């Protein structure tokens, strides 16, 4: 009499029976999830490769910076264990551990609807985790979006025929980056998810408000706003002085230009400054003897909201001692200049 055993090297009707029960239980009691199927990277126009889920966009850095997602959204059912939003003190600093999530899907149902198993790059939208009652009522409720980082067979999903029935994926909250532009949009449309998912629009609104308030409250000399050419040169002692071209061909320090044009004139003498407008950008020359020496190129800077332009900044309290025992004010970075001056 042969030994009785449940073991079978093939999937028999017993496996199909158990798998159907597992799939039906998942459809009845699991959580709904909308899947944005990853199709592959977006290639450059000169790249003639056929794209698929396994195509690598950048073969040098082995990364896909721009991703393409299917226009259709697939609905699957998956199990997960809700958890409290606890603090995580295992890393440096105080962290929240709710940015990752694990979902369990029935393999057969997943393959029948999606065409393949969930893989890294797929984005899952969870409507049951939408943010209700936000502070900004005009924004409305927003679903939570996760990207699949990895998938594997679920250890508790084995039946008596030693085949797994479930697929577990680890998810992480998506960020406002170029990889998910097909899903979140670029923020230009009113219905773009980026407007509610990211703080980009709010940050731009704050920035524009700061600039508008600064332009209103900070006075400036309109003459600097109207300046179209600005040049900077150092004196022998290192202090800067300015040259610019305006209607009366006069520099602010009283030293005027001898003229400007697309060719040097014969009436120029030693020490005259001449602006050549046939250069791009325009170029300022100084005549020394029989030659013309380049002084500066047009920097094409429009100065607004400023009354003084200098090359370097001098600290207001530190003194540097030179090798010849002379002292001078110490030069420092711009970030260290704005501080209270000691009396």
C-alpha atoms as a PDB file:
ATOM      1  CA  UNK A   1       0.000   0.000   0.000  1.00  0.00           C
ATOM      2  CA  UNK A   2       1.532   3.335  -1.032  1.00  0.00           C
ATOM      3  CA  UNK A   3       2.288   5.908   1.662  1.00  0.00           C
ATOM      4  CA  UNK A   4      -0.379   8.621   1.930  1.00  0.00           C
ATOM      5  CA  UNK A   5       1.015  12.165   1.437  1.00  0.00           C
ATOM      6  CA  UNK A   6      -0.266  15.591   0.492  1.00  0.00           C
ATOM      7  CA  UNK A   7       2.907  16.322  -1.450  1.00  0.00           C
ATOM      8  CA  UNK A   8       2.628  16.864  -5.198  1.00  0.00           C
ATOM      9  CA  UNK A   9       5.264  18.324  -7.533  1.00  0.00           C
ATOM     10  CA  UNK A  10       2.552  20.026  -9.631  1.00  0.00           C
ATOM     11  CA  UNK A  11      -0.344  22.367  -8.937  1.00  0.00           C
ATOM     12  CA  UNK A  12      -3.354  20.100  -8.773  1.00  0.00           C
ATOM     13  CA  UNK A  13      -7.028  20.878  -8.374  1.00  0.00           C
ATOM     14  CA  UNK A  14      -6.505  20.947  -4.615  1.00  0.00           C
ATOM     15  CA  UNK A  15      -4.155  23.914  -5.052  1.00  0.00           C
ATOM     16  CA  UNK A  16      -6.625  25.690  -7.312  1.00  0.00           C
ATOM     17  CA  UNK A  17      -9.425  25.131  -4.781  1.00  0.00           C
ATOM     18  CA  UNK A  18      -7.407  26.593  -1.907  1.00  0.00           C
ATOM     19  CA  UNK A  19      -6.114  29.439  -4.095  1.00  0.00           C
ATOM     20  CA  UNK A  20      -9.653  30.381  -5.137  1.00  0.00           C
ATOM     21  CA  UNK A  21     -10.749  30.494  -1.503  1.00  0.00           C
ATOM     22  CA  UNK A  22      -7.756  32.711  -0.630  1.00  0.00           C
ATOM     23  CA  UNK A  23      -8.492  35.024  -3.557  1.00  0.00           C
ATOM     24  CA  UNK A  24     -12.185  35.300  -2.699  1.00  0.00           C
ATOM     25  CA  UNK A  25     -11.372  36.060   0.947  1.00  0.00           C
ATOM     26  CA  UNK A  26      -9.005  38.799  -0.181  1.00  0.00           C
ATOM     27  CA  UNK A  27     -11.605  40.394  -2.450  1.00  0.00           C
ATOM     28  CA  UNK A  28     -14.216  40.336   0.319  1.00  0.00           C
ATOM     29  CA  UNK A  29     -12.187  41.533   3.280  1.00  0.00           C
ATOM     30  CA  UNK A  30      -9.094  43.355   2.014  1.00  0.00           C
ATOM     31  CA  UNK A  31      -8.397  47.048   1.473  1.00  0.00           C
ATOM     32  CA  UNK A  32      -8.820  48.686  -1.927  1.00  0.00           C
ATOM     33  CA  UNK A  33      -5.652  49.972  -3.600  1.00  0.00           C
ATOM     34  CA  UNK A  34      -5.276  51.837  -6.911  1.00  0.00           C
ATOM     35  CA  UNK A  35      -2.150  50.796  -8.801  1.00  0.00           C
ATOM     36  CA  UNK A  36      -0.341  53.120 -11.231  1.00  0.00           C
ATOM     37  CA  UNK A  37       1.551  50.584 -13.325  1.00  0.00           C
ATOM     38  CA  UNK A  38       5.175  51.358 -14.079  1.00  0.00           C
ATOM     39  CA  UNK A  39       5.864  50.938 -17.815  1.00  0.00           C
ATOM     40  CA  UNK A  40       9.559  51.879 -18.004  1.00  0.00           C
ATOM     41  CA  UNK A  41      11.788  54.950 -18.235  1.00  0.00           C
ATOM     42  CA  UNK A  42      11.292  57.860 -20.620  1.00  0.00           C
ATOM     43  CA  UNK A  43      14.156  57.735 -23.104  1.00  0.00           C
ATOM     44  CA  UNK A  44      15.740  60.578 -25.040  1.00  0.00           C
ATOM     45  CA  UNK A  45      14.740  61.161 -28.636  1.00  0.00           C
ATOM     46  CA  UNK A  46      18.034  59.740 -29.900  1.00  0.00           C
ATOM     47  CA  UNK A  47      17.624  56.545 -27.833  1.00  0.00           C
ATOM     48  CA  UNK A  48      15.940  53.922 -30.027  1.00  0.00           C
ATOM     49  CA  UNK A  49      15.698  51.163 -27.435  1.00  0.00           C
ATOM     50  CA  UNK A  50      12.366  49.454 -26.801  1.00  0.00           C
ATOM     51  CA  UNK A  51      11.309  50.300 -23.262  1.00  0.00           C
ATOM     52  CA  UNK A  52       9.974  47.816 -20.713  1.00  0.00           C
ATOM     53  CA  UNK A  53       9.898  47.488 -16.943  1.00  0.00           C
ATOM     54  CA  UNK A  54      13.473  46.158 -17.005  1.00  0.00           C
ATOM     55  CA  UNK A  55      14.960  48.966 -19.155  1.00  0.00           C
ATOM     56  CA  UNK A  56      17.581  51.165 -17.486  1.00  0.00           C
ATOM     57  CA  UNK A  57      17.524  54.803 -18.580  1.00  0.00           C
ATOM     58  CA  UNK A  58      21.019  55.825 -17.479  1.00  0.00           C
ATOM     59  CA  UNK A  59      23.434  52.936 -17.982  1.00  0.00           C
ATOM     60  CA  UNK A  60      26.258  54.881 -16.313  1.00  0.00           C
ATOM     61  CA  UNK A  61      24.571  55.627 -12.983  1.00  0.00           C
ATOM     62  CA  UNK A  62      22.068  52.739 -13.282  1.00  0.00           C
ATOM     63  CA  UNK A  63      19.042  54.882 -12.491  1.00  0.00           C
ATOM     64  CA  UNK A  64      15.706  55.901 -14.008  1.00  0.00           C
ATOM     65  CA  UNK A  65      15.165  59.618 -13.393  1.00  0.00           C
ATOM     66  CA  UNK A  66      12.043  59.969 -15.580  1.00  0.00           C
ATOM     67  CA  UNK A  67       9.455  57.227 -15.407  1.00  0.00           C
ATOM     68  CA  UNK A  68       6.457  56.473 -17.591  1.00  0.00           C
ATOM     69  CA  UNK A  69       3.241  55.138 -16.075  1.00  0.00           C
ATOM     70  CA  UNK A  70       0.210  53.543 -17.717  1.00  0.00           C
ATOM     71  CA  UNK A  71      -2.757  55.806 -18.381  1.00  0.00           C
ATOM     72  CA  UNK A  72      -5.124  53.192 -16.893  1.00  0.00           C
ATOM     73  CA  UNK A  73      -5.345  52.711 -13.136  1.00  0.00           C
ATOM     74  CA  UNK A  74      -5.796  49.171 -11.796  1.00  0.00           C
ATOM     75  CA  UNK A  75      -7.732  48.335  -8.634  1.00  0.00           C
ATOM     76  CA  UNK A  76      -6.403  45.567  -6.386  1.00  0.00           C
ATOM     77  CA  UNK A  77      -7.297  44.377  -2.893  1.00  0.00           C
ATOM     78  CA  UNK A  78      -4.596  43.987  -0.257  1.00  0.00           C
ATOM     79  CA  UNK A  79      -4.220  43.277   3.466  1.00  0.00           C
ATOM     80  CA  UNK A  80      -2.122  45.336   5.862  1.00  0.00           C
ATOM     81  CA  UNK A  81      -1.770  45.804   9.606  1.00  0.00           C
ATOM     82  CA  UNK A  82      -2.517  49.366  10.765  1.00  0.00           C
ATOM     83  CA  UNK A  83      -0.006  50.754  13.240  1.00  0.00           C
ATOM     84  CA  UNK A  84       0.216  53.758  15.493  1.00  0.00           C
ATOM     85  CA  UNK A  85       2.361  56.728  14.558  1.00  0.00           C
ATOM     86  CA  UNK A  86       5.111  56.106  17.073  1.00  0.00           C
ATOM     87  CA  UNK A  87       8.383  57.946  17.465  1.00  0.00           C
ATOM     88  CA  UNK A  88      11.502  56.192  16.210  1.00  0.00           C
ATOM     89  CA  UNK A  89      14.569  56.851  18.357  1.00  0.00           C
ATOM     90  CA  UNK A  90      16.823  54.229  16.765  1.00  0.00           C
ATOM     91  CA  UNK A  91      18.325  56.802  14.403  1.00  0.00           C
ATOM     92  CA  UNK A  92      19.963  60.159  14.978  1.00  0.00           C
ATOM     93  CA  UNK A  93      17.203  62.577  15.908  1.00  0.00           C
ATOM     94  CA  UNK A  94      13.490  62.091  16.423  1.00  0.00           C
ATOM     95  CA  UNK A  95      11.820  60.314  13.474  1.00  0.00           C
ATOM     96  CA  UNK A  96       8.330  59.119  12.586  1.00  0.00           C
ATOM     97  CA  UNK A  97       8.017  55.523  11.380  1.00  0.00           C
ATOM     98  CA  UNK A  98       4.810  55.862   9.358  1.00  0.00           C
ATOM     99  CA  UNK A  99       6.399  56.620   5.996  1.00  0.00           C
ATOM    100  CA  UNK A 100       6.721  52.897   5.194  1.00  0.00           C
ATOM    101  CA  UNK A 101       3.934  50.359   4.805  1.00  0.00           C
ATOM    102  CA  UNK A 102       3.568  46.690   3.897  1.00  0.00           C
ATOM    103  CA  UNK A 103       0.662  45.392   1.790  1.00  0.00           C
ATOM    104  CA  UNK A 104      -0.182  41.756   1.014  1.00  0.00           C
ATOM    105  CA  UNK A 105      -1.882  40.881  -2.301  1.00  0.00           C
ATOM    106  CA  UNK A 106      -3.264  37.656  -3.721  1.00  0.00           C
ATOM    107  CA  UNK A 107      -0.865  36.591  -6.458  1.00  0.00           C
ATOM    108  CA  UNK A 108      -3.372  35.091  -8.922  1.00  0.00           C
ATOM    109  CA  UNK A 109      -5.769  38.042  -8.740  1.00  0.00           C
ATOM    110  CA  UNK A 110      -2.843  40.462  -9.025  1.00  0.00           C
ATOM    111  CA  UNK A 111      -1.443  38.815 -12.156  1.00  0.00           C
ATOM    112  CA  UNK A 112      -4.900  38.455 -13.757  1.00  0.00           C
ATOM    113  CA  UNK A 113      -5.661  42.186 -13.366  1.00  0.00           C
ATOM    114  CA  UNK A 114      -2.236  43.776 -13.642  1.00  0.00           C
ATOM    115  CA  UNK A 115      -0.544  41.347 -16.021  1.00  0.00           C
ATOM    116  CA  UNK A 116       2.418  40.799 -13.712  1.00  0.00           C
ATOM    117  CA  UNK A 117       3.378  40.941 -10.057  1.00  0.00           C
ATOM    118  CA  UNK A 118       3.918  44.307  -8.372  1.00  0.00           C
ATOM    119  CA  UNK A 119       7.518  45.469  -8.711  1.00  0.00           C
ATOM    120  CA  UNK A 120       9.768  48.335  -7.731  1.00  0.00           C
ATOM    121  CA  UNK A 121       8.579  51.549  -9.350  1.00  0.00           C
ATOM    122  CA  UNK A 122       4.838  50.860  -9.226  1.00  0.00           C
ATOM    123  CA  UNK A 123       2.883  53.537  -7.355  1.00  0.00           C
ATOM    124  CA  UNK A 124      -0.026  52.555  -5.115  1.00  0.00           C
ATOM    125  CA  UNK A 125      -2.699  55.080  -4.216  1.00  0.00           C
ATOM    126  CA  UNK A 126      -4.572  54.344  -0.974  1.00  0.00           C
ATOM    127  CA  UNK A 127      -7.928  56.153  -0.756  1.00  0.00           C
ATOM    128  CA  UNK A 128      -8.661  54.926   2.792  1.00  0.00           C
ATOM    129  CA  UNK A 129      -5.613  56.839   4.094  1.00  0.00           C
ATOM    130  CA  UNK A 130      -6.720  60.151   2.605  1.00  0.00           C
ATOM    131  CA  UNK A 131      -6.153  63.199   4.772  1.00  0.00           C
ATOM    132  CA  UNK A 132      -9.580  64.253   6.076  1.00  0.00           C
ATOM    133  CA  UNK A 133     -10.461  67.603   7.635  1.00  0.00           C
ATOM    134  CA  UNK A 134      -7.332  69.532   6.566  1.00  0.00           C
ATOM    135  CA  UNK A 135      -6.616  72.987   7.943  1.00  0.00           C
ATOM    136  CA  UNK A 136      -6.972  74.434   4.449  1.00  0.00           C
ATOM    137  CA  UNK A 137     -10.546  73.469   3.594  1.00  0.00           C
ATOM    138  CA  UNK A 138     -10.146  74.582  -0.022  1.00  0.00           C
ATOM    139  CA  UNK A 139      -7.597  71.824  -0.654  1.00  0.00           C
ATOM    140  CA  UNK A 140     -10.020  69.021   0.184  1.00  0.00           C
ATOM    141  CA  UNK A 141      -9.040  65.480   1.083  1.00  0.00           C
ATOM    142  CA  UNK A 142      -5.915  63.951  -0.488  1.00  0.00           C
ATOM    143  CA  UNK A 143      -5.148  60.280  -1.013  1.00  0.00           C
ATOM    144  CA  UNK A 144      -1.828  58.934   0.140  1.00  0.00           C
ATOM    145  CA  UNK A 145       0.627  57.762  -2.521  1.00  0.00           C
ATOM    146  CA  UNK A 146       3.285  55.099  -1.978  1.00  0.00           C
ATOM    147  CA  UNK A 147       5.931  53.672  -4.291  1.00  0.00           C
ATOM    148  CA  UNK A 148       6.828  49.983  -4.241  1.00  0.00           C
ATOM    149  CA  UNK A 149      10.424  49.440  -3.155  1.00  0.00           C
ATOM    150  CA  UNK A 150      10.529  45.635  -3.128  1.00  0.00           C
ATOM    151  CA  UNK A 151       8.280  42.565  -3.262  1.00  0.00           C
ATOM    152  CA  UNK A 152       8.582  38.976  -2.087  1.00  0.00           C
ATOM    153  CA  UNK A 153       6.517  35.874  -1.343  1.00  0.00           C
ATOM    154  CA  UNK A 154       4.593  36.114   1.900  1.00  0.00           C
ATOM    155  CA  UNK A 155       5.716  33.498   4.439  1.00  0.00           C
ATOM    156  CA  UNK A 156       2.237  32.940   5.900  1.00  0.00           C
ATOM    157  CA  UNK A 157       0.641  32.446   2.510  1.00  0.00           C
ATOM    158  CA  UNK A 158       1.582  28.786   1.962  1.00  0.00           C
ATOM    159  CA  UNK A 159      -1.124  26.176   1.486  1.00  0.00           C
ATOM    160  CA  UNK A 160      -0.957  22.408   2.087  1.00  0.00           C
ATOM    161  CA  UNK A 161       0.461  21.979  -1.420  1.00  0.00           C
ATOM    162  CA  UNK A 162       3.568  24.012  -0.509  1.00  0.00           C
ATOM    163  CA  UNK A 163       2.845  26.848  -2.936  1.00  0.00           C
ATOM    164  CA  UNK A 164       2.548  30.469  -1.817  1.00  0.00           C
ATOM    165  CA  UNK A 165      -0.661  32.351  -2.511  1.00  0.00           C
ATOM    166  CA  UNK A 166       0.275  35.895  -1.484  1.00  0.00           C
ATOM    167  CA  UNK A 167       2.785  38.580  -2.498  1.00  0.00           C
ATOM    168  CA  UNK A 168       4.003  41.147   0.030  1.00  0.00           C
ATOM    169  CA  UNK A 169       5.356  44.537  -1.036  1.00  0.00           C
ATOM    170  CA  UNK A 170       7.133  47.177   1.015  1.00  0.00           C
ATOM    171  CA  UNK A 171       5.957  50.725   0.256  1.00  0.00           C
ATOM    172  CA  UNK A 172       7.402  54.162   0.914  1.00  0.00           C
ATOM    173  CA  UNK A 173       5.770  57.566   0.584  1.00  0.00           C
ATOM    174  CA  UNK A 174       6.589  59.198  -2.751  1.00  0.00           C
ATOM    175  CA  UNK A 175       8.310  62.571  -2.999  1.00  0.00           C
ATOM    176  CA  UNK A 176       7.833  65.495  -5.338  1.00  0.00           C
ATOM    177  CA  UNK A 177      10.480  64.448  -7.863  1.00  0.00           C
ATOM    178  CA  UNK A 178      10.799  63.918 -11.598  1.00  0.00           C
ATOM    179  CA  UNK A 179      10.231  60.152 -11.322  1.00  0.00           C
ATOM    180  CA  UNK A 180       6.534  60.602 -10.505  1.00  0.00           C
ATOM    181  CA  UNK A 181       5.732  63.564 -12.756  1.00  0.00           C
ATOM    182  CA  UNK A 182       3.288  61.428 -14.808  1.00  0.00           C
ATOM    183  CA  UNK A 183       1.206  60.896 -11.668  1.00  0.00           C
ATOM    184  CA  UNK A 184       1.470  64.104  -9.637  1.00  0.00           C
ATOM    185  CA  UNK A 185       1.757  66.500 -12.617  1.00  0.00           C
ATOM    186  CA  UNK A 186       3.892  69.645 -12.767  1.00  0.00           C
ATOM    187  CA  UNK A 187       1.573  71.861 -10.721  1.00  0.00           C
ATOM    188  CA  UNK A 188       0.352  73.954 -13.658  1.00  0.00           C
ATOM    189  CA  UNK A 189      -3.124  72.390 -13.675  1.00  0.00           C
ATOM    190  CA  UNK A 190      -5.710  73.029 -10.987  1.00  0.00           C
ATOM    191  CA  UNK A 191      -6.328  69.290 -10.549  1.00  0.00           C
ATOM    192  CA  UNK A 192      -2.644  68.296 -10.387  1.00  0.00           C
ATOM    193  CA  UNK A 193      -1.887  66.142  -7.370  1.00  0.00           C
ATOM    194  CA  UNK A 194       1.327  68.100  -6.864  1.00  0.00           C
ATOM    195  CA  UNK A 195      -0.653  71.134  -5.692  1.00  0.00           C
ATOM    196  CA  UNK A 196      -1.920  69.222  -2.666  1.00  0.00           C
ATOM    197  CA  UNK A 197       0.766  66.563  -2.251  1.00  0.00           C
ATOM    198  CA  UNK A 198       3.771  68.890  -2.211  1.00  0.00           C
ATOM    199  CA  UNK A 199       4.562  72.143  -0.422  1.00  0.00           C
ATOM    200  CA  UNK A 200       6.088  73.572  -3.622  1.00  0.00           C
ATOM    201  CA  UNK A 201       3.180  75.930  -4.413  1.00  0.00           C
ATOM    202  CA  UNK A 202       3.013  77.178  -0.827  1.00  0.00           C
ATOM    203  CA  UNK A 203       6.765  77.800  -0.763  1.00  0.00           C
ATOM    204  CA  UNK A 204       6.577  79.741  -4.029  1.00  0.00           C
ATOM    205  CA  UNK A 205       3.694  81.785  -2.627  1.00  0.00           C
ATOM    206  CA  UNK A 206       5.763  82.621   0.468  1.00  0.00           C
ATOM    207  CA  UNK A 207       8.783  83.530  -1.673  1.00  0.00           C
ATOM    208  CA  UNK A 208       6.727  85.820  -3.913  1.00  0.00           C
ATOM    209  CA  UNK A 209       5.256  87.478  -0.814  1.00  0.00           C
ATOM    210  CA  UNK A 210       8.714  88.144   0.628  1.00  0.00           C
ATOM    211  CA  UNK A 211       9.948  89.630  -2.646  1.00  0.00           C
ATOM    212  CA  UNK A 212       6.864  91.844  -2.987  1.00  0.00           C
ATOM    213  CA  UNK A 213       7.218  93.125   0.582  1.00  0.00           C
ATOM    214  CA  UNK A 214      10.934  93.779   0.106  1.00  0.00           C
ATOM    215  CA  UNK A 215      10.332  95.763  -3.077  1.00  0.00           C
ATOM    216  CA  UNK A 216       7.719  97.838  -1.250  1.00  0.00           C
ATOM    217  CA  UNK A 217       9.633  98.517   1.962  1.00  0.00           C
ATOM    218  CA  UNK A 218      13.279  98.732   0.836  1.00  0.00           C
ATOM    219  CA  UNK A 219      14.077 102.056  -0.860  1.00  0.00           C
ATOM    220  CA  UNK A 220      16.556 102.206  -3.714  1.00  0.00           C
ATOM    221  CA  UNK A 221      18.000 104.721  -6.105  1.00  0.00           C
ATOM    222  CA  UNK A 222      16.074 104.556  -9.425  1.00  0.00           C
ATOM    223  CA  UNK A 223      19.279 105.474 -11.265  1.00  0.00           C
ATOM    224  CA  UNK A 224      20.689 102.050 -10.447  1.00  0.00           C
ATOM    225  CA  UNK A 225      17.542 100.431 -11.805  1.00  0.00           C
ATOM    226  CA  UNK A 226      17.948 102.240 -15.123  1.00  0.00           C
ATOM    227  CA  UNK A 227      21.624 101.359 -15.519  1.00  0.00           C
ATOM    228  CA  UNK A 228      22.197  99.149 -18.554  1.00  0.00           C
ATOM    229  CA  UNK A 229      25.997  98.682 -18.411  1.00  0.00           C
ATOM    230  CA  UNK A 230      28.015  98.299 -15.224  1.00  0.00           C
ATOM    231  CA  UNK A 231      31.779  97.919 -14.948  1.00  0.00           C
ATOM    232  CA  UNK A 232      34.001  97.465 -11.903  1.00  0.00           C
ATOM    233  CA  UNK A 233      37.715  98.165 -11.620  1.00  0.00           C
ATOM    234  CA  UNK A 234      40.088  98.309  -8.641  1.00  0.00           C
ATOM    235  CA  UNK A 235      42.289 101.262  -7.729  1.00  0.00           C
ATOM    236  CA  UNK A 236      45.894 100.689  -6.793  1.00  0.00           C
ATOM    237  CA  UNK A 237      44.940 100.522  -3.110  1.00  0.00           C
ATOM    238  CA  UNK A 238      42.346  97.832  -3.837  1.00  0.00           C
ATOM    239  CA  UNK A 239      39.223  99.956  -3.402  1.00  0.00           C
ATOM    240  CA  UNK A 240      36.662  99.576  -6.179  1.00  0.00           C
ATOM    241  CA  UNK A 241      35.229 102.341  -8.314  1.00  0.00           C
ATOM    242  CA  UNK A 242      32.489 102.134 -10.921  1.00  0.00           C
ATOM    243  CA  UNK A 243      32.014 102.911 -14.570  1.00  0.00           C
ATOM    244  CA  UNK A 244      28.777 102.702 -16.435  1.00  0.00           C
ATOM    245  CA  UNK A 245      27.321 104.020 -19.650  1.00  0.00           C
ATOM    246  CA  UNK A 246      24.200 106.145 -19.441  1.00  0.00           C
ATOM    247  CA  UNK A 247      22.658 109.021 -21.341  1.00  0.00           C
ATOM    248  CA  UNK A 248      25.268 111.654 -20.472  1.00  0.00           C
ATOM    249  CA  UNK A 249      28.269 109.276 -20.717  1.00  0.00           C
ATOM    250  CA  UNK A 250      29.333 110.098 -17.164  1.00  0.00           C
ATOM    251  CA  UNK A 251      30.540 107.734 -14.478  1.00  0.00           C
ATOM    252  CA  UNK A 252      29.239 108.277 -10.908  1.00  0.00           C
ATOM    253  CA  UNK A 253      32.690 109.212  -9.649  1.00  0.00           C
ATOM    254  CA  UNK A 254      32.974 112.042 -12.174  1.00  0.00           C
ATOM    255  CA  UNK A 255      35.336 110.274 -14.579  1.00  0.00           C
ATOM    256  CA  UNK A 256      33.554 110.163 -17.915  1.00  0.00           C
ATOM    257  CA  UNK A 257      34.070 107.853 -20.873  1.00  0.00           C
ATOM    258  CA  UNK A 258      35.737 109.295 -23.921  1.00  0.00           C
ATOM    259  CA  UNK A 259      33.045 107.675 -26.035  1.00  0.00           C
ATOM    260  CA  UNK A 260      31.703 104.420 -27.375  1.00  0.00           C
ATOM    261  CA  UNK A 261      31.183 102.791 -30.736  1.00  0.00           C
ATOM    262  CA  UNK A 262      32.184  99.893 -32.975  1.00  0.00           C
ATOM    263  CA  UNK A 263      35.710 101.280 -33.654  1.00  0.00           C
ATOM    264  CA  UNK A 264      38.303 103.343 -31.809  1.00  0.00           C
ATOM    265  CA  UNK A 265      38.482 107.020 -32.767  1.00  0.00           C
ATOM    266  CA  UNK A 266      41.670 108.927 -33.639  1.00  0.00           C
ATOM    267  CA  UNK A 267      41.171 111.621 -30.985  1.00  0.00           C
ATOM    268  CA  UNK A 268      41.716 109.264 -28.037  1.00  0.00           C
ATOM    269  CA  UNK A 269      44.664 110.111 -25.780  1.00  0.00           C
ATOM    270  CA  UNK A 270      46.552 108.249 -23.108  1.00  0.00           C
ATOM    271  CA  UNK A 271      44.241 107.498 -20.141  1.00  0.00           C
ATOM    272  CA  UNK A 272      40.940 107.663 -22.061  1.00  0.00           C
ATOM    273  CA  UNK A 273      38.283 105.002 -21.530  1.00  0.00           C
ATOM    274  CA  UNK A 274      36.382 103.768 -24.590  1.00  0.00           C
ATOM    275  CA  UNK A 275      33.441 101.344 -24.773  1.00  0.00           C
ATOM    276  CA  UNK A 276      33.353  98.980 -27.763  1.00  0.00           C
ATOM    277  CA  UNK A 277      29.728  98.053 -28.399  1.00  0.00           C
ATOM    278  CA  UNK A 278      30.544  95.670 -31.273  1.00  0.00           C
ATOM    279  CA  UNK A 279      31.725  93.091 -28.728  1.00  0.00           C
ATOM    280  CA  UNK A 280      29.243  90.690 -27.194  1.00  0.00           C
ATOM    281  CA  UNK A 281      29.183  91.482 -24.347  1.00  0.00           C
ATOM    282  CA  UNK A 282      30.326  95.109 -24.699  1.00  0.00           C
ATOM    283  CA  UNK A 283      33.935  95.677 -23.656  1.00  0.00           C
ATOM    284  CA  UNK A 284      35.568  98.608 -21.883  1.00  0.00           C
ATOM    285  CA  UNK A 285      39.108  99.600 -22.985  1.00  0.00           C
ATOM    286  CA  UNK A 286      41.755 101.923 -21.513  1.00  0.00           C
ATOM    287  CA  UNK A 287      44.299 103.567 -23.828  1.00  0.00           C
ATOM    288  CA  UNK A 288      47.872 103.295 -22.592  1.00  0.00           C
ATOM    289  CA  UNK A 289      50.449 104.633 -24.959  1.00  0.00           C
ATOM    290  CA  UNK A 290      49.841 103.210 -28.434  1.00  0.00           C
ATOM    291  CA  UNK A 291      47.672 100.266 -27.324  1.00  0.00           C
ATOM    292  CA  UNK A 292      44.210  99.729 -25.870  1.00  0.00           C
ATOM    293  CA  UNK A 293      44.019  97.499 -22.803  1.00  0.00           C
ATOM    294  CA  UNK A 294      40.892  95.603 -21.852  1.00  0.00           C
ATOM    295  CA  UNK A 295      39.444  96.787 -18.546  1.00  0.00           C
ATOM    296  CA  UNK A 296      36.173  94.890 -18.126  1.00  0.00           C
ATOM    297  CA  UNK A 297      33.365  93.154 -20.007  1.00  0.00           C
ATOM    298  CA  UNK A 298      29.732  94.128 -19.653  1.00  0.00           C
ATOM    299  CA  UNK A 299      28.326  91.934 -16.897  1.00  0.00           C
ATOM    300  CA  UNK A 300      24.739  92.622 -17.964  1.00  0.00           C
ATOM    301  CA  UNK A 301      23.512  92.985 -14.395  1.00  0.00           C
ATOM    302  CA  UNK A 302      20.362  94.911 -13.575  1.00  0.00           C
ATOM    303  CA  UNK A 303      20.734  96.284 -10.089  1.00  0.00           C
ATOM    304  CA  UNK A 304      17.513  96.737  -8.124  1.00  0.00           C
ATOM    305  CA  UNK A 305      17.152  97.557  -4.477  1.00  0.00           C
ATOM    306  CA  UNK A 306      20.794  98.448  -3.885  1.00  0.00           C
ATOM    307  CA  UNK A 307      22.672 101.650  -3.305  1.00  0.00           C
ATOM    308  CA  UNK A 308      26.249 100.387  -3.276  1.00  0.00           C
ATOM    309  CA  UNK A 309      28.138  97.756  -5.256  1.00  0.00           C
ATOM    310  CA  UNK A 310      31.547  96.558  -4.091  1.00  0.00           C
ATOM    311  CA  UNK A 311      33.815  93.651  -4.945  1.00  0.00           C
ATOM    312  CA  UNK A 312      34.704  92.558  -1.409  1.00  0.00           C
ATOM    313  CA  UNK A 313      33.327  93.072   2.047  1.00  0.00           C
ATOM    314  CA  UNK A 314      35.229  94.252   5.122  1.00  0.00           C
ATOM    315  CA  UNK A 315      34.455  92.854   8.545  1.00  0.00           C
ATOM    316  CA  UNK A 316      33.586  95.485  11.121  1.00  0.00           C
ATOM    317  CA  UNK A 317      35.679  94.259  14.058  1.00  0.00           C
ATOM    318  CA  UNK A 318      38.477  91.808  13.132  1.00  0.00           C
ATOM    319  CA  UNK A 319      41.946  93.159  12.381  1.00  0.00           C
ATOM    320  CA  UNK A 320      44.558  91.247  10.369  1.00  0.00           C
ATOM    321  CA  UNK A 321      48.269  91.754  11.020  1.00  0.00           C
ATOM    322  CA  UNK A 322      50.461  91.559   7.908  1.00  0.00           C
ATOM    323  CA  UNK A 323      54.010  90.200   7.728  1.00  0.00           C
ATOM    324  CA  UNK A 324      55.423  93.752   7.694  1.00  0.00           C
ATOM    325  CA  UNK A 325      53.653  94.448  11.022  1.00  0.00           C
ATOM    326  CA  UNK A 326      51.016  96.620   9.363  1.00  0.00           C
ATOM    327  CA  UNK A 327      47.348  96.073  10.194  1.00  0.00           C
ATOM    328  CA  UNK A 328      44.204  96.121   8.065  1.00  0.00           C
ATOM    329  CA  UNK A 329      40.520  95.309   8.390  1.00  0.00           C
ATOM    330  CA  UNK A 330      39.953  91.628   7.754  1.00  0.00           C
ATOM    331  CA  UNK A 331      38.001  90.517   4.676  1.00  0.00           C
ATOM    332  CA  UNK A 332      35.338  87.901   5.317  1.00  0.00           C
ATOM    333  CA  UNK A 333      32.577  86.071   3.471  1.00  0.00           C
ATOM    334  CA  UNK A 334      29.324  87.834   2.714  1.00  0.00           C
ATOM    335  CA  UNK A 335      27.397  85.439   4.991  1.00  0.00           C
ATOM    336  CA  UNK A 336      29.323  86.784   8.008  1.00  0.00           C
ATOM    337  CA  UNK A 337      28.938  90.472   7.216  1.00  0.00           C
ATOM    338  CA  UNK A 338      25.360  91.020   8.340  1.00  0.00           C
ATOM    339  CA  UNK A 339      25.736  91.177  12.103  1.00  0.00           C
ATOM    340  CA  UNK A 340      25.437  93.880  14.786  1.00  0.00           C
ATOM    341  CA  UNK A 341      28.335  96.264  14.960  1.00  0.00           C
ATOM    342  CA  UNK A 342      29.947  96.693  18.369  1.00  0.00           C
ATOM    343  CA  UNK A 343      29.893 100.185  19.812  1.00  0.00           C
END
